[in-house]
Amino acid sequence: MKIVVLAGGLSKERDVSLSSGSKIANALLDNGHEVCLIDLFLGVDSLKNLFMDKKSGKNFTYIVPDKEPDLEKLKRKYKTEKLIGKNVLEACKIADLVFVALHGSVRRRW
């Protein structure tokens, strides 16, 4: 089964989400699935070779930093205010299942 794990995003909990998303993705790999871990905010550049399996010999890792992420700095770095990154929706359409590993909430000023 092809599974997208959505993590990260633009909340103060993005680092915790990326860490738990990595662990979830590894457990899915260990159980024989094809997995893609995507940061909701950053997205992916290409849909080619998106999924990996246990045979690839790779694992996902993410270590939570000591301080909260600077979300404004992140938005400036990637020059976007969008909440959903490049090709995220397209990747989810390719998958058989999407596992949402997002944490926290996003507050927008309207």
C-alpha atoms as a PDB file:
ATOM      1  CA  MET A   1       0.000   0.000   0.000  1.00  0.00           C
ATOM      2  CA  LYS A   2       1.281   3.504  -0.861  1.00  0.00           C
ATOM      3  CA  ILE A   3       0.990   5.786   2.149  1.00  0.00           C
ATOM      4  CA  VAL A   4       1.713   9.512   2.468  1.00  0.00           C
ATOM      5  CA  VAL A   5       2.511  10.675   6.007  1.00  0.00           C
ATOM      6  CA  LEU A   6       1.746  14.394   6.344  1.00  0.00           C
ATOM      7  CA  ALA A   7       3.750  16.143   9.059  1.00  0.00           C
ATOM      8  CA  GLY A   8       5.324  19.506   9.847  1.00  0.00           C
ATOM      9  CA  GLY A   9       3.151  22.328   8.638  1.00  0.00           C
ATOM     10  CA  LEU A  10       3.156  25.851  10.036  1.00  0.00           C
ATOM     11  CA  SER A  11       2.377  25.551  13.710  1.00  0.00           C
ATOM     12  CA  LYS A  12       4.523  25.858  16.828  1.00  0.00           C
ATOM     13  CA  GLU A  13       4.309  22.044  17.010  1.00  0.00           C
ATOM     14  CA  ARG A  14       5.887  21.484  13.553  1.00  0.00           C
ATOM     15  CA  ASP A  15       9.076  19.917  14.956  1.00  0.00           C
ATOM     16  CA  VAL A  16       7.174  17.474  17.158  1.00  0.00           C
ATOM     17  CA  SER A  17       5.007  16.617  14.160  1.00  0.00           C
ATOM     18  CA  LEU A  18       8.070  15.950  11.966  1.00  0.00           C
ATOM     19  CA  SER A  19       9.542  13.724  14.673  1.00  0.00           C
ATOM     20  CA  SER A  20       6.385  11.678  15.190  1.00  0.00           C
ATOM     21  CA  GLY A  21       5.782  11.602  11.436  1.00  0.00           C
ATOM     22  CA  SER A  22       9.246  10.082  10.978  1.00  0.00           C
ATOM     23  CA  LYS A  23       8.518   7.387  13.526  1.00  0.00           C
ATOM     24  CA  ILE A  24       5.148   6.619  11.951  1.00  0.00           C
ATOM     25  CA  ALA A  25       6.718   6.444   8.473  1.00  0.00           C
ATOM     26  CA  ASN A  26       9.396   4.026   9.741  1.00  0.00           C
ATOM     27  CA  ALA A  27       6.773   1.779  11.355  1.00  0.00           C
ATOM     28  CA  LEU A  28       4.842   1.714   8.086  1.00  0.00           C
ATOM     29  CA  LEU A  29       8.032   0.820   6.179  1.00  0.00           C
ATOM     30  CA  ASP A  30       8.734  -1.988   8.647  1.00  0.00           C
ATOM     31  CA  ASN A  31       5.246  -3.323   7.952  1.00  0.00           C
ATOM     32  CA  GLY A  32       5.869  -3.577   4.223  1.00  0.00           C
ATOM     33  CA  HIS A  33       4.282  -0.383   2.908  1.00  0.00           C
ATOM     34  CA  GLU A  34       5.607   2.120   0.399  1.00  0.00           C
ATOM     35  CA  VAL A  35       5.907   5.408   2.263  1.00  0.00           C
ATOM     36  CA  CYS A  36       6.425   9.083   1.578  1.00  0.00           C
ATOM     37  CA  LEU A  37       6.891  11.565   4.443  1.00  0.00           C
ATOM     38  CA  ILE A  38       5.869  15.077   3.396  1.00  0.00           C
ATOM     39  CA  ASP A  39       6.173  18.356   5.273  1.00  0.00           C
ATOM     40  CA  LEU A  40       2.784  19.967   4.635  1.00  0.00           C
ATOM     41  CA  PHE A  41       4.380  23.433   4.420  1.00  0.00           C
ATOM     42  CA  LEU A  42       7.391  22.581   2.232  1.00  0.00           C
ATOM     43  CA  GLY A  43       5.794  19.977  -0.020  1.00  0.00           C
ATOM     44  CA  VAL A  44       7.875  18.039  -2.572  1.00  0.00           C
ATOM     45  CA  ASP A  45       9.595  19.194  -5.746  1.00  0.00           C
ATOM     46  CA  SER A  46       8.790  16.109  -7.785  1.00  0.00           C
ATOM     47  CA  LEU A  47       6.301  13.260  -7.756  1.00  0.00           C
ATOM     48  CA  LYS A  48       8.850  10.969  -9.411  1.00  0.00           C
ATOM     49  CA  ASN A  49      10.229   8.252  -7.089  1.00  0.00           C
ATOM     50  CA  LEU A  50       8.129   9.713  -4.281  1.00  0.00           C
ATOM     51  CA  PHE A  51       7.588   6.523  -2.312  1.00  0.00           C
ATOM     52  CA  MET A  52      10.245   4.335  -0.747  1.00  0.00           C
ATOM     53  CA  ASP A  53      10.029   0.845   0.659  1.00  0.00           C
ATOM     54  CA  LYS A  54      11.963  -1.243   3.162  1.00  0.00           C
ATOM     55  CA  LYS A  55      14.287  -2.504   0.406  1.00  0.00           C
ATOM     56  CA  SER A  56      15.665   1.024  -0.023  1.00  0.00           C
ATOM     57  CA  GLY A  57      17.465   0.567   3.302  1.00  0.00           C
ATOM     58  CA  LYS A  58      16.608   4.134   4.303  1.00  0.00           C
ATOM     59  CA  ASN A  59      14.842   5.356   7.409  1.00  0.00           C
ATOM     60  CA  PHE A  60      13.301   8.678   8.311  1.00  0.00           C
ATOM     61  CA  THR A  61      14.828  10.666  11.175  1.00  0.00           C
ATOM     62  CA  TYR A  62      14.058  13.997  12.776  1.00  0.00           C
ATOM     63  CA  ILE A  63      15.395  15.347  16.064  1.00  0.00           C
ATOM     64  CA  VAL A  64      13.311  17.987  17.818  1.00  0.00           C
ATOM     65  CA  PRO A  65      15.394  21.141  18.433  1.00  0.00           C
ATOM     66  CA  ASP A  66      15.584  22.738  21.887  1.00  0.00           C
ATOM     67  CA  LYS A  67      13.530  25.785  20.914  1.00  0.00           C
ATOM     68  CA  GLU A  68      10.263  26.427  19.092  1.00  0.00           C
ATOM     69  CA  PRO A  69      10.459  26.984  15.356  1.00  0.00           C
ATOM     70  CA  ASP A  70      10.543  30.567  14.084  1.00  0.00           C
ATOM     71  CA  LEU A  71       7.580  30.340  11.719  1.00  0.00           C
ATOM     72  CA  GLU A  72       8.006  33.859  10.326  1.00  0.00           C
ATOM     73  CA  LYS A  73      11.634  33.120   9.486  1.00  0.00           C
ATOM     74  CA  LEU A  74      10.567  29.876   7.806  1.00  0.00           C
ATOM     75  CA  LYS A  75       8.003  31.726   5.662  1.00  0.00           C
ATOM     76  CA  ARG A  76      10.611  34.337   4.684  1.00  0.00           C
ATOM     77  CA  LYS A  77      13.190  31.662   3.853  1.00  0.00           C
ATOM     78  CA  TYR A  78      10.828  29.881   1.459  1.00  0.00           C
ATOM     79  CA  LYS A  79       9.182  33.136   0.302  1.00  0.00           C
ATOM     80  CA  THR A  80       5.631  31.943   0.803  1.00  0.00           C
ATOM     81  CA  GLU A  81       2.611  32.458   3.002  1.00  0.00           C
ATOM     82  CA  LYS A  82       0.887  29.340   1.660  1.00  0.00           C
ATOM     83  CA  LEU A  83      -0.028  26.689   4.209  1.00  0.00           C
ATOM     84  CA  ILE A  84       0.166  23.798   1.747  1.00  0.00           C
ATOM     85  CA  GLY A  85       3.397  23.234  -0.150  1.00  0.00           C
ATOM     86  CA  LYS A  86       4.174  22.256  -3.711  1.00  0.00           C
ATOM     87  CA  ASN A  87       2.688  18.965  -4.973  1.00  0.00           C
ATOM     88  CA  VAL A  88       1.187  17.981  -1.586  1.00  0.00           C
ATOM     89  CA  LEU A  89      -2.330  17.484  -2.897  1.00  0.00           C
ATOM     90  CA  GLU A  90      -1.052  15.693  -6.004  1.00  0.00           C
ATOM     91  CA  ALA A  91       1.028  13.306  -3.838  1.00  0.00           C
ATOM     92  CA  CYS A  92      -2.003  12.573  -1.669  1.00  0.00           C
ATOM     93  CA  LYS A  93      -4.040  11.708  -4.765  1.00  0.00           C
ATOM     94  CA  ILE A  94      -1.414   9.140  -5.822  1.00  0.00           C
ATOM     95  CA  ALA A  95      -1.443   7.466  -2.402  1.00  0.00           C
ATOM     96  CA  ASP A  96      -3.769   4.707  -1.283  1.00  0.00           C
ATOM     97  CA  LEU A  97      -3.896   6.258   2.183  1.00  0.00           C
ATOM     98  CA  VAL A  98      -2.875   9.540   3.844  1.00  0.00           C
ATOM     99  CA  PHE A  99      -1.817   9.435   7.495  1.00  0.00           C
ATOM    100  CA  VAL A 100      -2.140  12.863   9.109  1.00  0.00           C
ATOM    101  CA  ALA A 101       0.605  13.376  11.699  1.00  0.00           C
ATOM    102  CA  LEU A 102       0.103  17.117  12.126  1.00  0.00           C
ATOM    103  CA  HIS A 103       0.147  18.718  15.573  1.00  0.00           C
ATOM    104  CA  GLY A 104      -1.050  22.067  16.865  1.00  0.00           C
ATOM    105  CA  SER A 105      -3.125  24.640  15.035  1.00  0.00           C
ATOM    106  CA  VAL A 106      -2.556  27.473  12.634  1.00  0.00           C
ATOM    107  CA  ARG A 107      -3.951  30.859  13.461  1.00  0.00           C
ATOM    108  CA  ARG A 108      -4.517  33.188  10.581  1.00  0.00           C
ATOM    109  CA  ARG A 109      -5.257  36.883  10.742  1.00  0.00           C
ATOM    110  CA  TRP A 110      -8.131  37.724   8.409  1.00  0.00           C
END
